[in-house]
Amino acid sequence: MESYYAQRIDLNGLLIGAIILTLFSLLVYLFNLILRKKLKVKKRKLFAFNDFVNEKHGKIDWGIRIAMMIAIIVGSFATLIVYPDMRYPVLAPAFISFLFIYIQEFTRAYMEWKYSSNRNDFIYTLSSLGFISLLLLIVFSNVNTWL
């Protein structure tokens, strides 16, 4: 019998995962493209670390990022200590990351609503967050069916 680490890689699972990731990315891109045109919102930089509405938003956002890093480290150690036999200990940091990403995006939407010159910016942010959340819910609720 093979050990856990010496098992063969399931190529069908990798192929299905790649297809799901590609479709997910394409749907998000098309949704954002259509929404940006409809709301007349400027395109945001992908993975921009300094794309803030104003200086106050930048300070708050960096505070959220630092809190997220601390929470991930503390949460990882707490998970390993409290649940040493947990099958997927990576789920706790992933959950913490998702939580803080939502906090960041809701903060962005609030700052756009309060300070942005284009009133449609916050609608775009919240709509995009809602669409991505819906897609993630669909993917994660059906992942056992597809794989």
Protein backbone atom coordinates (compact mmCIF):
# COMPACT_ATOMS: atom_id res chain seq x y z
CA MET A 1 0.00 0.00 0.00
CA GLU A 2 1.31 3.43 -0.93
CA SER A 3 1.88 6.01 1.73
CA TYR A 4 -0.14 9.20 1.81
CA TYR A 5 2.68 11.24 0.28
CA ALA A 6 3.57 8.73 -2.42
CA GLN A 7 0.12 8.57 -4.00
CA ARG A 8 -0.18 9.41 -7.67
CA ILE A 9 -1.51 12.78 -8.69
CA ASP A 10 -5.07 12.59 -9.95
CA LEU A 11 -4.82 14.22 -13.39
CA ASN A 12 -8.59 14.29 -13.89
CA GLY A 13 -8.98 16.31 -10.70
CA LEU A 14 -6.26 18.72 -11.82
CA LEU A 15 -7.87 19.12 -15.24
CA ILE A 16 -11.32 19.75 -13.74
CA GLY A 17 -9.78 22.21 -11.24
CA ALA A 18 -8.04 24.07 -14.07
CA ILE A 19 -11.29 24.25 -16.05
CA ILE A 20 -13.21 25.53 -13.02
CA LEU A 21 -10.52 28.15 -12.31
CA THR A 22 -10.52 29.28 -15.95
CA LEU A 23 -14.33 29.56 -16.09
CA PHE A 24 -14.39 31.37 -12.75
CA SER A 25 -11.79 33.89 -13.95
CA LEU A 26 -13.55 34.40 -17.28
CA LEU A 27 -16.94 34.98 -15.63
CA VAL A 28 -15.48 37.49 -13.16
CA TYR A 29 -13.63 39.31 -15.96
CA LEU A 30 -16.76 39.53 -18.16
CA PHE A 31 -18.96 40.61 -15.24
CA ASN A 32 -16.52 43.37 -14.28
CA LEU A 33 -16.13 44.49 -17.90
CA ILE A 34 -19.89 44.80 -18.43
CA LEU A 35 -20.46 46.44 -15.04
CA ARG A 36 -17.61 48.92 -15.58
CA LYS A 37 -19.06 50.00 -18.93
CA LYS A 38 -22.61 50.23 -17.59
CA LEU A 39 -21.65 52.24 -14.48
CA LYS A 40 -18.91 54.26 -16.25
CA VAL A 41 -16.28 53.33 -13.67
CA LYS A 42 -12.57 53.45 -14.44
CA LYS A 43 -10.65 50.17 -14.58
CA ARG A 44 -8.72 49.21 -11.46
CA LYS A 45 -5.24 47.81 -11.46
CA LEU A 46 -5.06 44.07 -10.84
CA PHE A 47 -3.28 43.22 -7.56
CA ALA A 48 -2.61 46.90 -6.82
CA PHE A 49 -1.23 47.38 -3.32
CA ASN A 50 -1.62 51.16 -3.32
CA ASP A 51 -4.96 51.75 -5.04
CA PHE A 52 -6.72 53.79 -2.37
CA VAL A 53 -9.56 56.30 -2.49
CA ASN A 54 -7.64 58.73 -0.27
CA GLU A 55 -4.88 58.80 2.36
CA LYS A 56 -7.28 57.88 5.17
CA HIS A 57 -8.39 54.80 3.23
CA GLY A 58 -4.74 53.84 2.73
CA LYS A 59 -4.02 53.96 6.46
CA ILE A 60 -7.14 51.96 7.32
CA ASP A 61 -6.40 49.41 4.59
CA TRP A 62 -2.83 48.87 5.79
CA GLY A 63 -4.15 48.44 9.33
CA ILE A 64 -6.53 45.75 8.06
CA ARG A 65 -3.67 44.02 6.19
CA ILE A 66 -1.44 43.97 9.28
CA ALA A 67 -4.32 42.67 11.41
CA MET A 68 -4.92 39.96 8.80
CA MET A 69 -1.29 38.82 8.90
CA ILE A 70 -1.36 38.66 12.70
CA ALA A 71 -4.71 36.82 12.68
CA ILE A 72 -3.41 34.27 10.14
CA ILE A 73 -0.29 33.56 12.21
CA VAL A 74 -2.19 33.32 15.51
CA GLY A 75 -5.02 31.35 13.88
CA SER A 76 -2.61 28.87 12.30
CA PHE A 77 -0.86 28.17 15.59
CA ALA A 78 -4.16 28.00 17.47
CA THR A 79 -5.52 25.52 14.92
CA LEU A 80 -2.44 23.31 15.21
CA ILE A 81 -2.53 23.41 19.01
CA VAL A 82 -6.29 23.00 19.55
CA TYR A 83 -6.88 20.56 16.66
CA PRO A 84 -3.60 18.68 16.11
CA ASP A 85 -5.38 15.89 14.18
CA MET A 86 -7.26 18.23 11.86
CA ARG A 87 -7.21 16.86 8.33
CA TYR A 88 -6.94 20.22 6.57
CA PRO A 89 -5.28 22.72 8.93
CA VAL A 90 -4.91 25.16 6.02
CA LEU A 91 -8.65 25.87 6.12
CA ALA A 92 -8.39 28.11 9.19
CA PRO A 93 -5.93 30.59 7.56
CA ALA A 94 -7.96 30.46 4.33
CA PHE A 95 -11.15 31.32 6.23
CA ILE A 96 -9.35 34.18 8.03
CA SER A 97 -8.07 35.48 4.67
CA PHE A 98 -11.56 35.44 3.15
CA LEU A 99 -12.96 37.23 6.18
CA PHE A 100 -10.37 40.00 6.01
CA ILE A 101 -10.74 40.35 2.22
CA TYR A 102 -14.45 40.99 2.80
CA ILE A 103 -13.60 43.55 5.47
CA GLN A 104 -11.18 45.25 3.07
CA GLU A 105 -13.71 45.38 0.25
CA PHE A 106 -16.52 46.69 2.46
CA THR A 107 -14.10 49.35 3.74
CA ARG A 108 -13.27 50.27 0.15
CA ALA A 109 -16.96 50.49 -0.74
CA TYR A 110 -17.62 52.73 2.29
CA MET A 111 -14.71 55.02 1.39
CA GLU A 112 -15.87 55.20 -2.22
CA TRP A 113 -19.41 56.00 -1.10
CA LYS A 114 -18.19 58.68 1.28
CA TYR A 115 -15.28 60.27 -0.63
CA SER A 116 -15.25 59.28 -4.31
CA SER A 117 -16.21 61.74 -7.01
CA ASN A 118 -17.94 58.99 -9.00
CA ARG A 119 -20.90 57.74 -6.95
CA ASN A 120 -20.99 54.49 -8.97
CA ASP A 121 -17.63 53.30 -7.63
CA PHE A 122 -19.07 51.81 -4.46
CA ILE A 123 -21.89 50.12 -6.43
CA TYR A 124 -19.25 48.51 -8.66
CA THR A 125 -17.23 47.32 -5.64
CA LEU A 126 -20.23 45.82 -3.84
CA SER A 127 -21.63 44.23 -7.02
CA SER A 128 -18.29 42.67 -7.87
CA LEU A 129 -17.90 41.36 -4.32
CA GLY A 130 -21.41 39.91 -4.39
CA PHE A 131 -20.87 38.22 -7.77
CA ILE A 132 -17.55 36.69 -6.69
CA SER A 133 -19.18 35.51 -3.43
CA LEU A 134 -21.98 33.86 -5.39
CA LEU A 135 -19.52 32.11 -7.69
CA LEU A 136 -17.41 30.93 -4.73
CA LEU A 137 -20.53 29.60 -3.03
CA ILE A 138 -21.47 27.67 -6.17
CA VAL A 139 -17.95 26.29 -6.63
CA PHE A 140 -17.41 25.27 -3.00
CA SER A 141 -20.87 23.76 -2.61
CA ASN A 142 -20.34 21.55 -5.68
CA VAL A 143 -16.65 20.74 -5.43
CA ASN A 144 -17.30 17.13 -4.33
CA THR A 145 -19.66 16.61 -7.26
CA TRP A 146 -17.12 17.81 -9.84
CA LEU A 147 -14.08 16.04 -8.42
